[in-house]
């Protein structure tokens, strides 16, 4: 099993080196609201922390609309607010263009006297273009919400380098297909539990210690792999599914932090929780399948098998070094 993941681990290590200082659990999405306070009167609120407010520039309004007293927005500790009025209320023919340096926006529109509607819109080029016809329904459909949160979960796991390195490091300990199935299942069950508890408000922990502990979990696995290569037995080597479950509880809190960052309309919490988790699992399985295919292709090169033992240790030390850097960086951020 180790050989099957050799090249995939190497690729993941290189990718992680490119983004070594990045926080792995930010979705890069903007949670925003467009509120029609009265016919023709609007308030656009971007809900971002002050450290990201510089990325929130004034939107481009339809021709019949103009800003109020603060065209550059009123900036608070966790929001940027634009107010504007329109000579005639906005319709499906109108659009807002958001020149925001974000990957997209989870936009909730509250038309005057109607129920809120939430949609996900992605950035294209340098702007986020909002076509208002998609928000003119009285309410969003469950199928659209399911699709939206599945995509978010899928993208999150594939962008979460520490989660992917954890899975790869864990699989270095796995021997046999049955143990692989048990390990993946244990990790899935565990992070589903804490994701659900945290999203529903039963568990609440600060994100910084959780992020540091996730990095520590990768360091622990890397050290266990090294000890195993030297012939020392341990619980992690004998029963990797136990370790996967224990640390999966921790990683679920990381997933919950990412989901909480964009905020959830109360009516969508059950759908969001279910389908975000579905997206995470689909992304994880896609990554594992890709690793198997790439690893199998690599092993078809006759000379590659001679490098296996040395390359494995190099990769493990590389993964451990990256995780140690993350752990130090994230621990430091707790106190600053």
C-alpha atoms as a PDB file:
ATOM      1  CA  UNK A   1       0.000   0.000   0.000  1.00  0.00           C
ATOM      2  CA  UNK A   2       2.902   2.331   0.703  1.00  0.00           C
ATOM      3  CA  UNK A   3       4.114   2.084  -2.855  1.00  0.00           C
ATOM      4  CA  UNK A   4       0.726   2.954  -4.290  1.00  0.00           C
ATOM      5  CA  UNK A   5       0.814   6.323  -2.566  1.00  0.00           C
ATOM      6  CA  UNK A   6       4.447   7.195  -3.250  1.00  0.00           C
ATOM      7  CA  UNK A   7       4.065   9.630  -6.129  1.00  0.00           C
ATOM      8  CA  UNK A   8       0.822  11.075  -4.771  1.00  0.00           C
ATOM      9  CA  UNK A   9       2.531  11.901  -1.482  1.00  0.00           C
ATOM     10  CA  UNK A  10       5.412  13.519  -3.330  1.00  0.00           C
ATOM     11  CA  UNK A  11       3.021  15.683  -5.344  1.00  0.00           C
ATOM     12  CA  UNK A  12       1.110  16.684  -2.225  1.00  0.00           C
ATOM     13  CA  UNK A  13       4.362  17.633  -0.503  1.00  0.00           C
ATOM     14  CA  UNK A  14       5.382  19.887  -3.372  1.00  0.00           C
ATOM     15  CA  UNK A  15       1.971  21.547  -3.416  1.00  0.00           C
ATOM     16  CA  UNK A  16       2.097  22.063   0.338  1.00  0.00           C
ATOM     17  CA  UNK A  17       5.497  23.694   0.047  1.00  0.00           C
ATOM     18  CA  UNK A  18       3.991  26.240  -2.351  1.00  0.00           C
ATOM     19  CA  UNK A  19       1.363  27.242   0.181  1.00  0.00           C
ATOM     20  CA  UNK A  20       3.261  26.511   3.382  1.00  0.00           C
ATOM     21  CA  UNK A  21       2.167  29.653   5.163  1.00  0.00           C
ATOM     22  CA  UNK A  22      -1.470  29.484   4.183  1.00  0.00           C
ATOM     23  CA  UNK A  23      -4.324  28.672   6.513  1.00  0.00           C
ATOM     24  CA  UNK A  24      -5.927  25.553   5.166  1.00  0.00           C
ATOM     25  CA  UNK A  25      -9.522  26.065   6.210  1.00  0.00           C
ATOM     26  CA  UNK A  26     -10.557  29.359   4.733  1.00  0.00           C
ATOM     27  CA  UNK A  27     -13.042  28.915   1.905  1.00  0.00           C
ATOM     28  CA  UNK A  28     -12.177  32.289   0.387  1.00  0.00           C
ATOM     29  CA  UNK A  29     -15.893  33.008   0.034  1.00  0.00           C
ATOM     30  CA  UNK A  30     -17.768  36.119   1.039  1.00  0.00           C
ATOM     31  CA  UNK A  31     -20.946  35.803   3.035  1.00  0.00           C
ATOM     32  CA  UNK A  32     -23.037  38.765   1.920  1.00  0.00           C
ATOM     33  CA  UNK A  33     -26.595  40.071   2.134  1.00  0.00           C
ATOM     34  CA  UNK A  34     -28.534  42.340  -0.197  1.00  0.00           C
ATOM     35  CA  UNK A  35     -31.504  43.759   1.716  1.00  0.00           C
ATOM     36  CA  UNK A  36     -34.310  45.791   0.145  1.00  0.00           C
ATOM     37  CA  UNK A  37     -35.297  47.888   3.165  1.00  0.00           C
ATOM     38  CA  UNK A  38     -38.077  49.625   1.226  1.00  0.00           C
ATOM     39  CA  UNK A  39     -39.050  49.673  -2.478  1.00  0.00           C
ATOM     40  CA  UNK A  40     -36.031  51.129  -4.270  1.00  0.00           C
ATOM     41  CA  UNK A  41     -33.859  51.322  -1.118  1.00  0.00           C
ATOM     42  CA  UNK A  42     -31.090  48.780  -0.567  1.00  0.00           C
ATOM     43  CA  UNK A  43     -28.344  47.768   1.828  1.00  0.00           C
ATOM     44  CA  UNK A  44     -25.480  45.474   0.707  1.00  0.00           C
ATOM     45  CA  UNK A  45     -23.530  43.917   3.588  1.00  0.00           C
ATOM     46  CA  UNK A  46     -20.300  41.959   3.204  1.00  0.00           C
ATOM     47  CA  UNK A  47     -19.667  39.945   6.370  1.00  0.00           C
ATOM     48  CA  UNK A  48     -15.890  39.724   6.584  1.00  0.00           C
ATOM     49  CA  UNK A  49     -13.428  40.372   9.432  1.00  0.00           C
ATOM     50  CA  UNK A  50     -11.586  43.682   9.416  1.00  0.00           C
ATOM     51  CA  UNK A  51      -8.378  42.046   8.142  1.00  0.00           C
ATOM     52  CA  UNK A  52     -10.190  41.230   4.867  1.00  0.00           C
ATOM     53  CA  UNK A  53     -12.171  44.439   4.470  1.00  0.00           C
ATOM     54  CA  UNK A  54      -9.598  45.962   2.109  1.00  0.00           C
ATOM     55  CA  UNK A  55     -10.676  43.373  -0.480  1.00  0.00           C
ATOM     56  CA  UNK A  56     -14.262  44.695  -0.407  1.00  0.00           C
ATOM     57  CA  UNK A  57     -14.457  47.582  -2.887  1.00  0.00           C
ATOM     58  CA  UNK A  58     -17.548  49.568  -3.880  1.00  0.00           C
ATOM     59  CA  UNK A  59     -19.865  47.565  -6.163  1.00  0.00           C
ATOM     60  CA  UNK A  60     -20.862  48.710  -9.643  1.00  0.00           C
ATOM     61  CA  UNK A  61     -24.564  49.583  -9.475  1.00  0.00           C
ATOM     62  CA  UNK A  62     -27.269  49.529 -12.160  1.00  0.00           C
ATOM     63  CA  UNK A  63     -27.677  52.825 -14.031  1.00  0.00           C
ATOM     64  CA  UNK A  64     -30.770  53.932 -12.118  1.00  0.00           C
ATOM     65  CA  UNK A  65     -29.076  53.470  -8.733  1.00  0.00           C
ATOM     66  CA  UNK A  66     -26.718  55.660  -6.698  1.00  0.00           C
ATOM     67  CA  UNK A  67     -24.906  55.387  -3.384  1.00  0.00           C
ATOM     68  CA  UNK A  68     -25.921  57.109  -0.209  1.00  0.00           C
ATOM     69  CA  UNK A  69     -23.576  59.159   1.974  1.00  0.00           C
ATOM     70  CA  UNK A  70     -20.761  56.542   2.055  1.00  0.00           C
ATOM     71  CA  UNK A  71     -19.942  55.285  -1.451  1.00  0.00           C
ATOM     72  CA  UNK A  72     -16.865  53.476  -0.107  1.00  0.00           C
ATOM     73  CA  UNK A  73     -18.908  51.647   2.504  1.00  0.00           C
ATOM     74  CA  UNK A  74     -19.241  51.805   6.259  1.00  0.00           C
ATOM     75  CA  UNK A  75     -16.613  49.482   7.742  1.00  0.00           C
ATOM     76  CA  UNK A  76     -17.132  47.743  11.053  1.00  0.00           C
ATOM     77  CA  UNK A  77     -15.200  45.058  12.919  1.00  0.00           C
ATOM     78  CA  UNK A  78     -16.886  42.272  10.968  1.00  0.00           C
ATOM     79  CA  UNK A  79     -18.777  43.882   8.101  1.00  0.00           C
ATOM     80  CA  UNK A  80     -18.637  46.344   5.227  1.00  0.00           C
ATOM     81  CA  UNK A  81     -21.998  47.995   4.428  1.00  0.00           C
ATOM     82  CA  UNK A  82     -23.032  49.873   1.281  1.00  0.00           C
ATOM     83  CA  UNK A  83     -26.362  51.709   1.078  1.00  0.00           C
ATOM     84  CA  UNK A  84     -27.892  52.879  -2.189  1.00  0.00           C
ATOM     85  CA  UNK A  85     -31.198  53.867  -3.727  1.00  0.00           C
ATOM     86  CA  UNK A  86     -32.678  53.207  -7.158  1.00  0.00           C
ATOM     87  CA  UNK A  87     -35.099  55.439  -9.055  1.00  0.00           C
ATOM     88  CA  UNK A  88     -37.007  52.266  -9.936  1.00  0.00           C
ATOM     89  CA  UNK A  89     -36.702  49.005  -7.956  1.00  0.00           C
ATOM     90  CA  UNK A  90     -34.219  46.526  -9.344  1.00  0.00           C
ATOM     91  CA  UNK A  91     -35.583  43.759 -11.580  1.00  0.00           C
ATOM     92  CA  UNK A  92     -34.334  40.606 -13.274  1.00  0.00           C
ATOM     93  CA  UNK A  93     -32.809  42.808 -15.984  1.00  0.00           C
ATOM     94  CA  UNK A  94     -30.411  44.400 -13.492  1.00  0.00           C
ATOM     95  CA  UNK A  95     -27.117  43.149 -12.187  1.00  0.00           C
ATOM     96  CA  UNK A  96     -24.575  44.029  -9.520  1.00  0.00           C
ATOM     97  CA  UNK A  97     -20.870  43.687 -10.198  1.00  0.00           C
ATOM     98  CA  UNK A  98     -18.718  43.112  -7.115  1.00  0.00           C
ATOM     99  CA  UNK A  99     -14.996  43.877  -7.640  1.00  0.00           C
ATOM    100  CA  UNK A 100     -14.127  41.881  -4.525  1.00  0.00           C
ATOM    101  CA  UNK A 101     -10.917  39.890  -4.213  1.00  0.00           C
ATOM    102  CA  UNK A 102     -12.741  36.775  -3.036  1.00  0.00           C
ATOM    103  CA  UNK A 103     -13.369  33.399  -4.673  1.00  0.00           C
ATOM    104  CA  UNK A 104     -17.081  34.039  -4.693  1.00  0.00           C
ATOM    105  CA  UNK A 105     -20.033  35.138  -2.617  1.00  0.00           C
ATOM    106  CA  UNK A 106     -22.724  33.234  -0.766  1.00  0.00           C
ATOM    107  CA  UNK A 107     -25.320  35.949  -1.291  1.00  0.00           C
ATOM    108  CA  UNK A 108     -28.620  36.120   0.552  1.00  0.00           C
ATOM    109  CA  UNK A 109     -31.142  38.519  -1.020  1.00  0.00           C
ATOM    110  CA  UNK A 110     -34.049  39.784   1.080  1.00  0.00           C
ATOM    111  CA  UNK A 111     -36.550  41.461  -1.222  1.00  0.00           C
ATOM    112  CA  UNK A 112     -38.960  43.804   0.522  1.00  0.00           C
ATOM    113  CA  UNK A 113     -41.791  41.793   2.048  1.00  0.00           C
ATOM    114  CA  UNK A 114     -40.474  38.416   0.800  1.00  0.00           C
ATOM    115  CA  UNK A 115     -38.543  35.455   2.176  1.00  0.00           C
ATOM    116  CA  UNK A 116     -34.718  35.483   1.866  1.00  0.00           C
ATOM    117  CA  UNK A 117     -33.105  33.608  -1.028  1.00  0.00           C
ATOM    118  CA  UNK A 118     -29.516  32.352  -0.893  1.00  0.00           C
ATOM    119  CA  UNK A 119     -27.339  31.555  -3.898  1.00  0.00           C
ATOM    120  CA  UNK A 120     -23.659  30.907  -4.487  1.00  0.00           C
ATOM    121  CA  UNK A 121     -21.993  32.974  -7.220  1.00  0.00           C
ATOM    122  CA  UNK A 122     -18.354  32.467  -8.213  1.00  0.00           C
ATOM    123  CA  UNK A 123     -15.847  35.050  -9.318  1.00  0.00           C
ATOM    124  CA  UNK A 124     -15.164  35.277 -13.045  1.00  0.00           C
ATOM    125  CA  UNK A 125     -11.968  37.102 -13.858  1.00  0.00           C
ATOM    126  CA  UNK A 126     -11.590  39.991 -11.434  1.00  0.00           C
ATOM    127  CA  UNK A 127     -15.238  40.448 -10.453  1.00  0.00           C
ATOM    128  CA  UNK A 128     -18.234  38.624  -9.009  1.00  0.00           C
ATOM    129  CA  UNK A 129     -21.211  39.242 -11.255  1.00  0.00           C
ATOM    130  CA  UNK A 130     -24.642  38.951  -9.662  1.00  0.00           C
ATOM    131  CA  UNK A 131     -27.510  38.413 -12.120  1.00  0.00           C
ATOM    132  CA  UNK A 132     -30.543  39.233 -10.029  1.00  0.00           C
ATOM    133  CA  UNK A 133     -32.961  37.009 -11.936  1.00  0.00           C
ATOM    134  CA  UNK A 134     -31.574  34.036  -9.989  1.00  0.00           C
ATOM    135  CA  UNK A 135     -32.704  35.624  -6.707  1.00  0.00           C
ATOM    136  CA  UNK A 136     -36.219  36.650  -7.700  1.00  0.00           C
ATOM    137  CA  UNK A 137     -37.872  33.413  -6.631  1.00  0.00           C
ATOM    138  CA  UNK A 138     -39.646  33.530  -3.276  1.00  0.00           C
ATOM    139  CA  UNK A 139     -37.379  30.841  -1.871  1.00  0.00           C
ATOM    140  CA  UNK A 140     -34.451  28.745  -2.928  1.00  0.00           C
ATOM    141  CA  UNK A 141     -35.025  25.102  -3.793  1.00  0.00           C
ATOM    142  CA  UNK A 142     -33.617  22.293  -1.674  1.00  0.00           C
ATOM    143  CA  UNK A 143     -31.906  20.779  -4.704  1.00  0.00           C
ATOM    144  CA  UNK A 144     -29.997  23.998  -5.396  1.00  0.00           C
ATOM    145  CA  UNK A 145     -28.948  24.257  -1.761  1.00  0.00           C
ATOM    146  CA  UNK A 146     -27.792  20.615  -1.789  1.00  0.00           C
ATOM    147  CA  UNK A 147     -25.722  21.231  -4.910  1.00  0.00           C
ATOM    148  CA  UNK A 148     -24.253  24.424  -3.478  1.00  0.00           C
ATOM    149  CA  UNK A 149     -23.040  22.836  -0.228  1.00  0.00           C
ATOM    150  CA  UNK A 150     -21.811  19.682  -1.959  1.00  0.00           C
ATOM    151  CA  UNK A 151     -19.589  21.828  -4.170  1.00  0.00           C
ATOM    152  CA  UNK A 152     -18.334  23.763  -1.135  1.00  0.00           C
ATOM    153  CA  UNK A 153     -17.419  20.563   0.702  1.00  0.00           C
ATOM    154  CA  UNK A 154     -15.759  19.031  -2.349  1.00  0.00           C
ATOM    155  CA  UNK A 155     -13.651  22.132  -2.984  1.00  0.00           C
ATOM    156  CA  UNK A 156     -12.760  22.526   0.676  1.00  0.00           C
ATOM    157  CA  UNK A 157     -11.223  19.072   1.134  1.00  0.00           C
ATOM    158  CA  UNK A 158      -9.220  19.363  -2.084  1.00  0.00           C
ATOM    159  CA  UNK A 159      -7.910  22.777  -1.004  1.00  0.00           C
ATOM    160  CA  UNK A 160      -7.212  21.634   2.573  1.00  0.00           C
ATOM    161  CA  UNK A 161      -3.571  20.621   2.255  1.00  0.00           C
ATOM    162  CA  UNK A 162      -3.241  19.582   5.875  1.00  0.00           C
ATOM    163  CA  UNK A 163      -6.227  17.222   5.603  1.00  0.00           C
ATOM    164  CA  UNK A 164      -4.785  15.655   2.456  1.00  0.00           C
ATOM    165  CA  UNK A 165      -1.337  15.243   4.018  1.00  0.00           C
ATOM    166  CA  UNK A 166      -2.957  13.646   7.051  1.00  0.00           C
ATOM    167  CA  UNK A 167      -4.754  11.116   4.859  1.00  0.00           C
ATOM    168  CA  UNK A 168      -1.557  10.315   2.952  1.00  0.00           C
ATOM    169  CA  UNK A 169       0.484   9.958   6.125  1.00  0.00           C
ATOM    170  CA  UNK A 170      -2.196   7.740   7.624  1.00  0.00           C
ATOM    171  CA  UNK A 171      -2.201   5.488   4.593  1.00  0.00           C
ATOM    172  CA  UNK A 172       1.536   4.882   4.936  1.00  0.00           C
ATOM    173  CA  UNK A 173       0.570   2.871   8.023  1.00  0.00           C
ATOM    174  CA  UNK A 174      -2.122   0.845   6.280  1.00  0.00           C
ATOM    175  CA  UNK A 175      -1.473  -2.725   5.138  1.00  0.00           C
ATOM    176  CA  UNK A 176      -4.186  -4.474   3.166  1.00  0.00           C
ATOM    177  CA  UNK A 177      -7.473  -3.444   1.601  1.00  0.00           C
ATOM    178  CA  UNK A 178      -9.620  -4.396   4.579  1.00  0.00           C
ATOM    179  CA  UNK A 179      -7.560  -2.217   6.894  1.00  0.00           C
ATOM    180  CA  UNK A 180      -7.749   0.607   4.335  1.00  0.00           C
ATOM    181  CA  UNK A 181     -11.565   0.402   4.321  1.00  0.00           C
ATOM    182  CA  UNK A 182     -11.684   0.398   8.129  1.00  0.00           C
ATOM    183  CA  UNK A 183      -9.317   3.368   8.328  1.00  0.00           C
ATOM    184  CA  UNK A 184     -11.165   5.544   5.818  1.00  0.00           C
ATOM    185  CA  UNK A 185     -14.522   4.645   7.383  1.00  0.00           C
ATOM    186  CA  UNK A 186     -13.280   5.506  10.884  1.00  0.00           C
ATOM    187  CA  UNK A 187     -11.974   8.886   9.720  1.00  0.00           C
ATOM    188  CA  UNK A 188     -15.269   9.609   7.937  1.00  0.00           C
ATOM    189  CA  UNK A 189     -17.453   8.674  10.908  1.00  0.00           C
ATOM    190  CA  UNK A 190     -15.337  10.677  13.353  1.00  0.00           C
ATOM    191  CA  UNK A 191     -15.187  13.938  11.465  1.00  0.00           C
ATOM    192  CA  UNK A 192     -18.898  13.632  10.615  1.00  0.00           C
ATOM    193  CA  UNK A 193     -19.666  13.494  14.341  1.00  0.00           C
ATOM    194  CA  UNK A 194     -17.762  16.629  15.301  1.00  0.00           C
ATOM    195  CA  UNK A 195     -18.804  18.480  12.147  1.00  0.00           C
ATOM    196  CA  UNK A 196     -22.418  17.914  13.095  1.00  0.00           C
ATOM    197  CA  UNK A 197     -21.977  18.754  16.786  1.00  0.00           C
ATOM    198  CA  UNK A 198     -20.056  21.957  16.028  1.00  0.00           C
ATOM    199  CA  UNK A 199     -22.438  23.123  13.294  1.00  0.00           C
ATOM    200  CA  UNK A 200     -25.455  22.563  15.540  1.00  0.00           C
ATOM    201  CA  UNK A 201     -23.769  24.469  18.366  1.00  0.00           C
ATOM    202  CA  UNK A 202     -23.163  21.621  20.822  1.00  0.00           C
ATOM    203  CA  UNK A 203     -19.365  21.964  20.590  1.00  0.00           C
ATOM    204  CA  UNK A 204     -17.479  25.217  20.283  1.00  0.00           C
ATOM    205  CA  UNK A 205     -13.696  25.624  20.296  1.00  0.00           C
ATOM    206  CA  UNK A 206     -11.486  28.494  19.105  1.00  0.00           C
ATOM    207  CA  UNK A 207     -10.215  27.855  15.598  1.00  0.00           C
ATOM    208  CA  UNK A 208      -6.535  28.642  16.254  1.00  0.00           C
ATOM    209  CA  UNK A 209      -5.894  25.809  18.775  1.00  0.00           C
ATOM    210  CA  UNK A 210      -7.828  23.406  16.557  1.00  0.00           C
ATOM    211  CA  UNK A 211      -5.670  24.298  13.539  1.00  0.00           C
ATOM    212  CA  UNK A 212      -2.488  23.848  15.583  1.00  0.00           C
ATOM    213  CA  UNK A 213      -3.678  20.469  16.886  1.00  0.00           C
ATOM    214  CA  UNK A 214      -4.491  19.299  13.342  1.00  0.00           C
ATOM    215  CA  UNK A 215      -0.904  20.083  12.328  1.00  0.00           C
ATOM    216  CA  UNK A 216       0.301  18.202  15.416  1.00  0.00           C
ATOM    217  CA  UNK A 217      -1.692  15.146  14.317  1.00  0.00           C
ATOM    218  CA  UNK A 218       0.311  15.034  11.080  1.00  0.00           C
ATOM    219  CA  UNK A 219       3.601  15.349  12.995  1.00  0.00           C
ATOM    220  CA  UNK A 220       2.518  12.437  15.188  1.00  0.00           C
ATOM    221  CA  UNK A 221       1.742  10.232  12.183  1.00  0.00           C
ATOM    222  CA  UNK A 222       5.050  11.093  10.503  1.00  0.00           C
ATOM    223  CA  UNK A 223       6.963  10.057  13.624  1.00  0.00           C
ATOM    224  CA  UNK A 224       4.972   6.820  13.879  1.00  0.00           C
ATOM    225  CA  UNK A 225       5.825   5.952  10.272  1.00  0.00           C
ATOM    226  CA  UNK A 226       9.538   6.485  10.965  1.00  0.00           C
ATOM    227  CA  UNK A 227       9.391   4.276  14.044  1.00  0.00           C
ATOM    228  CA  UNK A 228       7.570   1.606  12.077  1.00  0.00           C
ATOM    229  CA  UNK A 229      10.321   1.642   9.416  1.00  0.00           C
ATOM    230  CA  UNK A 230      12.802   0.909  12.219  1.00  0.00           C
ATOM    231  CA  UNK A 231      10.833  -2.139  13.353  1.00  0.00           C
ATOM    232  CA  UNK A 232       9.063  -0.677  16.393  1.00  0.00           C
ATOM    233  CA  UNK A 233       5.427  -1.658  16.761  1.00  0.00           C
ATOM    234  CA  UNK A 234       2.807   0.786  18.036  1.00  0.00           C
ATOM    235  CA  UNK A 235      -0.954   1.187  18.224  1.00  0.00           C
ATOM    236  CA  UNK A 236      -0.860   3.455  15.171  1.00  0.00           C
ATOM    237  CA  UNK A 237       0.868   0.738  13.129  1.00  0.00           C
ATOM    238  CA  UNK A 238      -1.276  -2.136  14.428  1.00  0.00           C
ATOM    239  CA  UNK A 239      -4.643  -0.343  14.311  1.00  0.00           C
ATOM    240  CA  UNK A 240      -4.470   2.784  12.150  1.00  0.00           C
ATOM    241  CA  UNK A 241      -8.257   2.995  12.151  1.00  0.00           C
ATOM    242  CA  UNK A 242      -8.145   3.847  15.891  1.00  0.00           C
ATOM    243  CA  UNK A 243      -5.790   6.748  15.209  1.00  0.00           C
ATOM    244  CA  UNK A 244      -7.927   7.793  12.218  1.00  0.00           C
ATOM    245  CA  UNK A 245     -11.017   7.945  14.409  1.00  0.00           C
ATOM    246  CA  UNK A 246      -9.311   9.845  17.237  1.00  0.00           C
ATOM    247  CA  UNK A 247      -7.800  12.485  14.984  1.00  0.00           C
ATOM    248  CA  UNK A 248     -10.878  12.501  12.727  1.00  0.00           C
ATOM    249  CA  UNK A 249     -12.800  14.051  15.628  1.00  0.00           C
ATOM    250  CA  UNK A 250     -10.282  16.880  15.581  1.00  0.00           C
ATOM    251  CA  UNK A 251     -10.367  17.339  11.807  1.00  0.00           C
ATOM    252  CA  UNK A 252     -14.160  17.550  11.903  1.00  0.00           C
ATOM    253  CA  UNK A 253     -13.825  20.710  13.987  1.00  0.00           C
ATOM    254  CA  UNK A 254     -11.646  22.131  11.226  1.00  0.00           C
ATOM    255  CA  UNK A 255     -14.329  21.350   8.654  1.00  0.00           C
ATOM    256  CA  UNK A 256     -16.938  22.976  10.889  1.00  0.00           C
ATOM    257  CA  UNK A 257     -14.804  26.120  11.149  1.00  0.00           C
ATOM    258  CA  UNK A 258     -14.741  26.428   7.371  1.00  0.00           C
ATOM    259  CA  UNK A 259     -18.500  25.967   7.129  1.00  0.00           C
ATOM    260  CA  UNK A 260     -19.121  28.479   9.912  1.00  0.00           C
ATOM    261  CA  UNK A 261     -16.981  31.108   8.181  1.00  0.00           C
ATOM    262  CA  UNK A 262     -19.554  31.664   5.444  1.00  0.00           C
ATOM    263  CA  UNK A 263     -22.466  31.520   7.846  1.00  0.00           C
ATOM    264  CA  UNK A 264     -25.605  29.438   7.418  1.00  0.00           C
ATOM    265  CA  UNK A 265     -29.204  30.577   7.029  1.00  0.00           C
ATOM    266  CA  UNK A 266     -31.087  28.787   9.849  1.00  0.00           C
ATOM    267  CA  UNK A 267     -33.467  27.136   7.388  1.00  0.00           C
ATOM    268  CA  UNK A 268     -30.553  25.565   5.489  1.00  0.00           C
ATOM    269  CA  UNK A 269     -28.575  24.095   8.396  1.00  0.00           C
ATOM    270  CA  UNK A 270     -29.760  20.458   7.928  1.00  0.00           C
ATOM    271  CA  UNK A 271     -29.143  20.559   4.158  1.00  0.00           C
ATOM    272  CA  UNK A 272     -25.819  22.357   4.594  1.00  0.00           C
ATOM    273  CA  UNK A 273     -24.597  19.896   7.214  1.00  0.00           C
ATOM    274  CA  UNK A 274     -25.534  16.824   5.195  1.00  0.00           C
ATOM    275  CA  UNK A 275     -24.346  17.891   1.772  1.00  0.00           C
ATOM    276  CA  UNK A 276     -21.213  19.728   2.876  1.00  0.00           C
ATOM    277  CA  UNK A 277     -20.177  16.445   4.472  1.00  0.00           C
ATOM    278  CA  UNK A 278     -21.133  14.574   1.290  1.00  0.00           C
ATOM    279  CA  UNK A 279     -18.928  16.947  -0.684  1.00  0.00           C
ATOM    280  CA  UNK A 280     -16.032  16.398   1.722  1.00  0.00           C
ATOM    281  CA  UNK A 281     -16.330  12.617   1.325  1.00  0.00           C
ATOM    282  CA  UNK A 282     -16.549  12.812  -2.458  1.00  0.00           C
ATOM    283  CA  UNK A 283     -13.444  14.986  -2.524  1.00  0.00           C
ATOM    284  CA  UNK A 284     -11.588  12.651  -0.197  1.00  0.00           C
ATOM    285  CA  UNK A 285     -12.488   9.578  -2.236  1.00  0.00           C
ATOM    286  CA  UNK A 286     -11.498  11.380  -5.437  1.00  0.00           C
ATOM    287  CA  UNK A 287      -8.102  12.172  -3.944  1.00  0.00           C
ATOM    288  CA  UNK A 288      -7.548   8.602  -2.737  1.00  0.00           C
ATOM    289  CA  UNK A 289      -8.573   7.184  -6.118  1.00  0.00           C
ATOM    290  CA  UNK A 290      -6.242   9.563  -7.935  1.00  0.00           C
ATOM    291  CA  UNK A 291      -3.410   8.596  -5.577  1.00  0.00           C
ATOM    292  CA  UNK A 292      -3.965   4.904  -6.294  1.00  0.00           C
ATOM    293  CA  UNK A 293      -3.936   5.441 -10.045  1.00  0.00           C
ATOM    294  CA  UNK A 294      -0.831   7.628 -10.008  1.00  0.00           C
ATOM    295  CA  UNK A 295       0.962   5.288  -7.605  1.00  0.00           C
ATOM    296  CA  UNK A 296       0.140   2.255  -9.742  1.00  0.00           C
ATOM    297  CA  UNK A 297       1.396   4.021 -12.871  1.00  0.00           C
ATOM    298  CA  UNK A 298       4.635   4.959 -11.131  1.00  0.00           C
ATOM    299  CA  UNK A 299       5.301   1.379 -10.081  1.00  0.00           C
ATOM    300  CA  UNK A 300       5.171   0.262 -13.697  1.00  0.00           C
ATOM    301  CA  UNK A 301       8.607   1.896 -14.102  1.00  0.00           C
ATOM    302  CA  UNK A 302      11.067  -0.925 -13.284  1.00  0.00           C
ATOM    303  CA  UNK A 303      13.753   1.306 -11.774  1.00  0.00           C
ATOM    304  CA  UNK A 304      11.255   3.043  -9.481  1.00  0.00           C
ATOM    305  CA  UNK A 305      10.951   0.064  -7.131  1.00  0.00           C
ATOM    306  CA  UNK A 306      14.611   0.346  -6.147  1.00  0.00           C
ATOM    307  CA  UNK A 307      13.988   3.845  -4.808  1.00  0.00           C
ATOM    308  CA  UNK A 308      10.940   2.954  -2.758  1.00  0.00           C
ATOM    309  CA  UNK A 309      12.404   2.706   0.751  1.00  0.00           C
ATOM    310  CA  UNK A 310      14.602   5.785   0.521  1.00  0.00           C
ATOM    311  CA  UNK A 311      11.920   7.840  -1.226  1.00  0.00           C
ATOM    312  CA  UNK A 312       9.357   6.851   1.391  1.00  0.00           C
ATOM    313  CA  UNK A 313      11.502   8.153   4.244  1.00  0.00           C
ATOM    314  CA  UNK A 314      12.284  11.369   2.355  1.00  0.00           C
ATOM    315  CA  UNK A 315       8.571  11.961   1.805  1.00  0.00           C
ATOM    316  CA  UNK A 316       7.687  11.192   5.410  1.00  0.00           C
ATOM    317  CA  UNK A 317      10.340  13.554   6.733  1.00  0.00           C
ATOM    318  CA  UNK A 318       9.113  16.174   4.259  1.00  0.00           C
ATOM    319  CA  UNK A 319       5.512  15.800   5.427  1.00  0.00           C
ATOM    320  CA  UNK A 320       6.628  15.940   9.063  1.00  0.00           C
ATOM    321  CA  UNK A 321       8.714  19.051   8.456  1.00  0.00           C
ATOM    322  CA  UNK A 322       5.851  20.880   6.760  1.00  0.00           C
ATOM    323  CA  UNK A 323       3.441  19.901   9.531  1.00  0.00           C
ATOM    324  CA  UNK A 324       5.930  21.044  12.182  1.00  0.00           C
ATOM    325  CA  UNK A 325       6.153  24.434  10.485  1.00  0.00           C
ATOM    326  CA  UNK A 326       2.356  24.676  10.436  1.00  0.00           C
ATOM    327  CA  UNK A 327       2.177  23.671  14.109  1.00  0.00           C
ATOM    328  CA  UNK A 328       4.683  26.335  15.184  1.00  0.00           C
ATOM    329  CA  UNK A 329       3.065  29.017  13.018  1.00  0.00           C
ATOM    330  CA  UNK A 330      -0.450  28.244  14.198  1.00  0.00           C
ATOM    331  CA  UNK A 331       0.563  27.936  17.845  1.00  0.00           C
ATOM    332  CA  UNK A 332       2.251  31.332  17.611  1.00  0.00           C
ATOM    333  CA  UNK A 333      -0.920  32.831  16.142  1.00  0.00           C
ATOM    334  CA  UNK A 334      -2.828  31.830  19.285  1.00  0.00           C
ATOM    335  CA  UNK A 335      -0.853  34.318  21.356  1.00  0.00           C
ATOM    336  CA  UNK A 336      -0.603  37.253  18.935  1.00  0.00           C
END
